[in-house]
Protein backbone atom coordinates (compact mmCIF):
# COMPACT_ATOMS: atom_id res chain seq x y z
CA MET A 1 343.42 -31.57 141.12
CA LEU A 2 347.17 -31.33 140.84
CA ALA A 3 349.41 -34.35 140.40
CA PRO A 4 351.35 -35.11 143.62
CA GLU A 5 354.71 -34.00 142.18
CA ARG A 6 353.26 -30.67 141.05
CA TYR A 7 351.35 -30.21 144.32
CA ILE A 8 354.51 -30.67 146.41
CA GLU A 9 356.13 -27.85 144.39
CA VAL A 10 353.18 -25.61 145.28
CA ILE A 11 353.50 -26.56 148.95
CA ARG A 12 357.23 -25.81 148.83
CA ASP A 13 356.77 -22.42 147.12
CA THR A 14 353.63 -20.87 148.62
CA GLN A 15 350.89 -21.07 151.23
CA LEU A 16 347.63 -22.91 150.66
CA VAL A 17 344.17 -21.48 151.24
CA SER A 18 341.98 -24.01 152.98
CA VAL A 19 338.71 -24.48 154.80
CA ASP A 20 338.28 -26.27 158.12
CA LEU A 21 334.79 -27.26 159.21
CA ILE A 22 333.92 -27.28 162.88
CA VAL A 23 330.97 -29.64 162.53
CA THR A 24 328.58 -29.93 165.46
CA GLY A 25 325.25 -31.53 166.12
CA PRO A 26 322.43 -29.85 168.04
CA GLU A 27 323.87 -31.10 171.34
CA GLY A 28 327.21 -29.36 170.66
CA ARG A 29 329.54 -32.34 170.14
CA VAL A 30 332.30 -31.76 167.58
CA LEU A 31 333.24 -34.20 164.79
CA LEU A 32 336.94 -35.13 164.73
CA GLY A 33 339.02 -37.65 162.85
CA LYS A 34 342.47 -39.03 163.69
CA ARG A 35 344.59 -38.22 160.64
CA VAL A 36 346.46 -40.98 158.82
CA ASN A 37 348.36 -38.51 156.59
CA GLU A 38 350.74 -35.65 157.20
CA PRO A 39 350.55 -32.94 158.20
CA ALA A 40 349.18 -33.57 161.71
CA GLN A 41 349.35 -37.35 161.25
CA GLY A 42 348.20 -39.23 164.34
CA PHE A 43 346.21 -36.33 165.78
CA PHE A 44 342.49 -35.75 165.90
CA PHE A 45 341.55 -32.84 163.64
CA VAL A 46 338.40 -31.28 162.21
CA PRO A 47 337.47 -32.06 158.58
CA GLY A 48 338.94 -29.75 155.98
CA SER A 49 340.62 -29.34 152.63
CA ARG A 50 342.41 -26.84 150.50
CA ILE A 51 340.22 -24.56 148.41
CA TYR A 52 340.63 -25.23 144.71
CA LYS A 53 341.38 -22.56 142.14
CA ASN A 54 338.16 -20.74 141.12
CA GLU A 55 336.24 -22.39 143.97
CA THR A 56 334.49 -20.06 146.43
CA LEU A 57 334.63 -20.57 150.19
CA ASP A 58 330.99 -21.66 150.12
CA GLN A 59 331.63 -24.14 147.28
CA GLY A 60 334.71 -25.52 149.04
CA SER A 61 332.84 -25.92 152.33
CA ARG A 62 329.98 -27.72 150.63
CA ARG A 63 332.44 -29.95 148.71
CA VAL A 64 334.10 -31.00 151.98
CA LEU A 65 330.71 -31.69 153.55
CA ARG A 66 329.66 -33.79 150.55
CA ASP A 67 332.90 -35.57 149.62
CA GLU A 68 334.50 -36.09 153.04
CA LEU A 69 331.41 -36.45 155.23
CA GLY A 70 328.63 -37.55 152.87
CA VAL A 71 326.51 -34.61 154.08
CA GLY A 72 324.06 -32.88 151.75
CA ALA A 73 322.91 -29.27 151.94
CA LEU A 74 319.55 -30.19 153.52
CA ALA A 75 321.32 -31.64 156.57
CA VAL A 76 322.92 -28.28 157.46
CA LYS A 77 321.00 -26.18 159.99
CA CYS A 78 323.43 -23.28 159.68
CA MET A 79 326.96 -22.54 158.53
CA TYR A 80 328.88 -19.40 159.39
CA PHE A 81 332.38 -17.99 159.17
CA LEU A 82 334.44 -18.11 162.39
CA GLY A 83 337.63 -16.46 161.25
CA VAL A 84 340.97 -16.73 159.49
CA TYR A 85 343.64 -18.92 161.09
CA GLU A 86 347.19 -19.75 160.12
CA HIS A 87 348.55 -23.29 160.35
CA MET A 88 352.23 -24.03 159.76
CA TYR A 89 353.62 -27.55 159.84
CA PRO A 90 357.19 -28.76 159.36
CA THR A 91 355.86 -31.73 157.35
CA ASN A 92 353.99 -32.37 154.10
CA PHE A 93 351.71 -35.07 152.69
CA LEU A 94 354.57 -36.82 150.82
CA LYS A 95 356.86 -36.67 153.88
CA ARG A 96 359.56 -34.91 151.85
CA LYS A 97 362.37 -33.53 153.98
CA ASP A 98 362.72 -29.77 154.39
CA ILE A 99 359.30 -28.94 152.93
CA GLY A 100 356.77 -27.59 155.42
CA THR A 101 353.11 -26.90 154.78
CA HIS A 102 351.61 -23.44 155.37
CA TYR A 103 347.84 -23.02 155.35
CA VAL A 104 345.76 -19.87 155.57
CA VAL A 105 342.59 -21.42 156.97
CA MET A 106 339.04 -20.16 156.66
CA ALA A 107 337.28 -21.72 159.65
CA MET A 108 333.56 -22.40 159.30
CA ARG A 109 331.15 -23.50 162.02
CA VAL A 110 328.64 -26.02 160.65
CA VAL A 111 325.64 -27.04 162.75
CA LEU A 112 323.77 -30.11 161.55
CA PHE A 113 320.13 -30.90 162.24
CA ASP A 114 321.13 -34.49 163.04
CA PRO A 115 324.69 -35.83 163.49
CA GLU A 116 323.43 -39.14 162.05
CA ASP A 117 323.50 -37.38 158.66
CA VAL A 118 327.30 -37.73 158.64
CA ASP A 119 328.41 -40.87 156.83
CA LEU A 120 331.21 -41.92 159.19
CA ARG A 121 332.37 -44.56 156.70
CA VAL A 122 333.17 -41.79 154.21
CA PHE A 123 334.95 -39.69 156.85
CA ALA A 124 336.89 -42.77 158.03
CA GLN A 125 338.51 -43.19 154.60
CA GLN A 126 341.16 -40.61 155.57
CA HIS A 127 341.13 -41.20 159.32
CA SER A 128 342.00 -44.16 161.54
CA THR A 129 339.37 -43.20 164.11
CA VAL A 130 336.42 -40.83 164.05
CA ALA A 131 334.67 -39.44 167.11
CA TRP A 132 332.14 -36.91 168.32
CA MET A 133 333.63 -35.09 171.33
CA THR A 134 332.46 -32.35 173.64
CA VAL A 135 334.55 -29.19 173.62
CA GLU A 136 335.59 -29.89 177.22
CA GLU A 137 336.73 -33.41 176.26
CA LEU A 138 338.73 -32.39 173.19
CA LYS A 139 340.50 -29.60 175.11
CA LYS A 140 341.79 -32.16 177.65
CA ARG A 141 343.02 -34.78 175.19
CA GLU A 142 346.67 -34.88 174.14
CA ASP A 143 345.79 -36.58 170.85
CA VAL A 144 343.70 -33.62 169.67
CA HIS A 145 345.97 -31.30 167.69
CA PRO A 146 346.66 -27.90 169.31
CA LEU A 147 345.51 -26.13 166.13
CA THR A 148 342.13 -27.84 166.45
CA LYS A 149 341.95 -26.81 170.10
CA ALA A 150 342.65 -23.22 169.02
CA TYR A 151 339.19 -23.07 167.41
CA PHE A 152 337.73 -23.31 170.91
CA GLN A 153 339.94 -20.79 172.73
CA ASN A 154 338.02 -17.80 174.03
CA ASP A 155 340.93 -15.44 173.34
CA ALA A 156 341.13 -16.47 169.65
CA SER A 157 344.92 -16.16 169.94
CA ASN A 158 345.52 -17.95 166.64
CA CYS A 159 342.81 -16.04 164.75
CA PHE A 160 343.69 -13.04 162.59
CA PHE A 161 340.14 -11.99 161.82
CA LYS A 162 337.11 -13.14 163.72
CA VAL A 163 333.44 -12.64 163.01
CA ARG A 164 330.90 -12.55 165.90
């Protein structure tokens, strides 16, 4: 982990590689949290995090499942790569002026055996509200971030490389 002052320099100078998890239960509802931090503060978004140096995509995905959702490996029915997305925001986590955040996002679909395996109290630590929504519902809501909605577009317009 980088100290905040060092991390803001990285955000200013380069893009970040991250993983977003599109977590669903067997019935197809998607887990979202309303972000309390920038970027995308105040919007519902899927769980995710930057990938740490020397951490593989698989390790990063499992870390997010464990640390942000309280989900262990045995709760995951399947996990597969959706594609590479690019997210650019004019803001940053410290709300410093004139420093945007640029993510190259590895999107992963995660299907759980039982959505009850998610510890919503853990997920709520970084979110003001957490919810399971259908794809139809999240597409209609104005408080779901457009970059989250992009994961459910049939044309994959924001996806550089898509598997499937």
